[in-house]
Protein backbone atom coordinates (compact mmCIF):
# COMPACT_ATOMS: atom_id res chain seq x y z
CA MET A 1 -56.64 -134.82 96.77
CA LYS A 2 -54.17 -132.87 98.85
CA ASN A 3 -51.51 -132.24 96.22
CA ILE A 4 -53.72 -130.36 93.77
CA LEU A 5 -52.71 -126.76 93.26
CA LEU A 6 -54.98 -124.06 91.88
CA VAL A 7 -52.86 -121.69 89.84
CA GLU A 8 -54.15 -118.44 88.38
CA ARG A 9 -52.74 -118.68 84.87
CA ILE A 10 -53.78 -119.20 81.28
CA PRO A 11 -53.03 -122.70 80.00
CA SER A 12 -50.86 -123.18 76.94
CA VAL A 13 -52.63 -123.95 73.69
CA GLN A 14 -51.41 -127.54 73.90
CA GLU A 15 -52.65 -127.94 77.48
CA TYR A 16 -56.01 -126.51 76.46
CA LEU A 17 -56.33 -128.80 73.46
CA THR A 18 -55.32 -131.81 75.56
CA LEU A 19 -58.07 -131.04 78.06
CA ARG A 20 -60.63 -130.60 75.26
CA ARG A 21 -59.66 -133.90 73.65
CA ALA A 22 -59.85 -135.73 76.98
CA ILE A 23 -63.52 -134.83 77.41
CA ASN A 24 -64.40 -135.32 73.74
CA TRP A 25 -64.95 -131.67 72.87
CA ARG A 26 -64.29 -130.60 69.32
CA VAL A 27 -60.66 -129.95 68.46
CA VAL A 28 -60.43 -126.39 67.25
CA ASP A 29 -57.83 -124.39 65.34
CA GLU A 30 -54.64 -123.70 67.33
CA GLU A 31 -54.44 -120.05 66.24
CA ALA A 32 -58.05 -119.49 67.32
CA CYS A 33 -57.22 -121.11 70.68
CA LYS A 34 -54.21 -118.84 71.10
CA ARG A 35 -56.27 -115.70 70.44
CA GLY A 36 -59.17 -116.88 72.59
CA LEU A 37 -57.06 -117.88 75.57
CA LYS A 38 -55.15 -114.60 75.40
CA GLY A 39 -58.48 -112.76 75.65
CA SER A 40 -59.41 -114.45 78.94
CA LEU A 41 -60.25 -112.07 81.76
CA TYR A 42 -59.37 -114.65 84.40
CA CYS A 43 -58.23 -118.24 84.34
CA VAL A 44 -57.49 -120.86 86.97
CA CYS A 45 -55.75 -124.16 86.32
CA ALA A 46 -55.79 -127.23 88.54
CA GLU A 47 -52.39 -128.89 88.60
CA LEU A 48 -51.12 -132.16 90.01
CA ASN A 49 -47.40 -132.90 89.95
CA ASN A 50 -46.84 -129.92 87.62
CA GLU A 51 -49.36 -131.26 85.09
CA ILE A 52 -52.64 -129.54 84.24
CA ILE A 53 -55.67 -131.64 85.15
CA GLY A 54 -58.35 -128.97 84.88
CA MET A 55 -59.14 -125.38 84.07
CA ALA A 56 -61.88 -122.77 84.16
CA ARG A 57 -61.95 -119.24 82.82
CA VAL A 58 -63.94 -116.03 82.59
CA ILE A 59 -64.41 -114.16 79.34
CA GLY A 60 -66.45 -111.05 78.55
CA ASP A 61 -66.42 -107.33 77.89
CA SER A 62 -64.99 -106.38 81.32
CA GLY A 63 -67.98 -104.19 82.10
CA LEU A 64 -71.50 -105.40 81.50
CA TYR A 65 -71.27 -109.08 80.56
CA PHE A 66 -69.14 -111.91 81.84
CA TYR A 67 -69.22 -115.54 80.83
CA ILE A 68 -67.83 -118.61 82.56
CA GLN A 69 -66.23 -120.82 79.94
CA ASP A 70 -64.23 -124.04 79.64
CA VAL A 71 -64.78 -125.57 83.06
CA ILE A 72 -62.90 -128.79 82.35
CA VAL A 73 -61.54 -131.56 84.58
CA LEU A 74 -59.80 -134.61 83.14
CA PRO A 75 -62.16 -137.62 83.39
CA GLN A 76 -59.95 -139.55 85.83
CA TYR A 77 -60.09 -136.62 88.26
CA GLN A 78 -63.80 -135.83 88.03
CA LYS A 79 -66.09 -136.24 91.06
CA MET A 80 -63.24 -135.27 93.40
CA GLY A 81 -64.26 -131.67 94.05
CA ILE A 82 -61.76 -130.09 91.64
CA GLY A 83 -64.46 -128.40 89.56
CA THR A 84 -65.98 -127.00 92.75
CA LEU A 85 -62.62 -125.61 93.87
CA MET A 86 -62.09 -123.94 90.49
CA MET A 87 -65.62 -122.50 90.49
CA LYS A 88 -65.05 -121.05 93.96
CA LYS A 89 -61.99 -119.23 92.56
CA ILE A 90 -64.08 -118.03 89.60
CA ILE A 91 -66.86 -116.78 91.90
CA ASN A 92 -64.30 -115.02 94.10
CA PHE A 93 -62.84 -113.29 91.03
CA LEU A 94 -66.31 -112.18 89.95
CA ASP A 95 -67.25 -111.02 93.46
CA ASN A 96 -64.18 -108.78 93.48
CA ASN A 97 -64.33 -107.50 89.90
CA ILE A 98 -67.90 -106.86 88.81
CA SER A 99 -70.58 -104.41 89.81
CA PRO A 100 -74.03 -105.33 91.14
CA LEU A 101 -76.71 -106.25 88.59
CA ILE A 102 -74.17 -107.37 85.97
CA THR A 103 -74.96 -110.50 83.96
CA VAL A 104 -72.76 -113.58 84.31
CA GLY A 105 -73.67 -116.38 81.93
CA LEU A 106 -72.52 -119.88 81.15
CA MET A 107 -73.57 -122.81 79.03
CA ALA A 108 -73.73 -126.05 81.01
CA SER A 109 -73.16 -129.37 79.32
CA LYS A 110 -76.27 -131.52 79.40
CA GLY A 111 -76.73 -132.99 82.86
CA LYS A 112 -74.28 -130.59 84.51
CA GLU A 113 -76.88 -127.94 85.40
CA PRO A 114 -77.12 -129.03 89.08
CA PHE A 115 -73.38 -128.39 89.48
CA TYR A 116 -73.81 -124.74 88.46
CA GLU A 117 -77.04 -124.31 90.41
CA LYS A 118 -74.93 -124.81 93.57
CA PHE A 119 -73.27 -121.50 92.67
CA GLY A 120 -76.54 -119.61 92.19
CA PHE A 121 -77.00 -120.04 88.43
CA THR A 122 -80.50 -120.62 87.06
CA LYS A 123 -81.52 -122.88 84.20
CA ARG A 124 -83.12 -121.33 81.15
CA PRO A 125 -85.82 -121.17 80.20
CA SER A 126 -87.19 -119.87 83.45
CA GLU A 127 -90.29 -117.87 84.29
CA ARG A 128 -88.55 -114.59 83.35
CA ARG A 129 -85.94 -115.71 80.81
CA GLY A 130 -86.16 -117.47 77.47
CA HIS A 131 -83.99 -120.27 76.15
CA GLY A 132 -80.23 -119.94 75.98
CA MET A 133 -79.06 -120.36 72.40
CA PHE A 134 -75.88 -120.98 70.45
CA ARG A 135 -74.57 -121.53 66.94
CA ILE A 136 -71.35 -123.26 65.90
CA TRP A 137 -69.84 -121.74 62.76
CA GLU A 138 -68.93 -124.43 60.25
């Protein structure tokens, strides 16, 4: 799609929540979204006709650990290379802002691991690393 723009910006809370709803992710508290988005180290939004259709961001401690979070593309625009374009921007940001031997993590949705493997990420568990883990506070 020729008219898609990649814009380095943080989405509004409403844009973020709209993207989450569109892919059936949990709807979270608006104030928590505001704080979380503000804490992003880097964010790129995919826009079409001045409307957000995707986003991806980097979070972390700015030194030792970085985490790719919220790689989202609206369902009607998936499988068009938009996620790949956003990930290339993310990788470029990381290439220019982190030191060698620093950990960059992410949590892939089930079945999306091959997408991230194209960018050099490895599934866990692996021979050297244990399982990735998470907990949702309820």
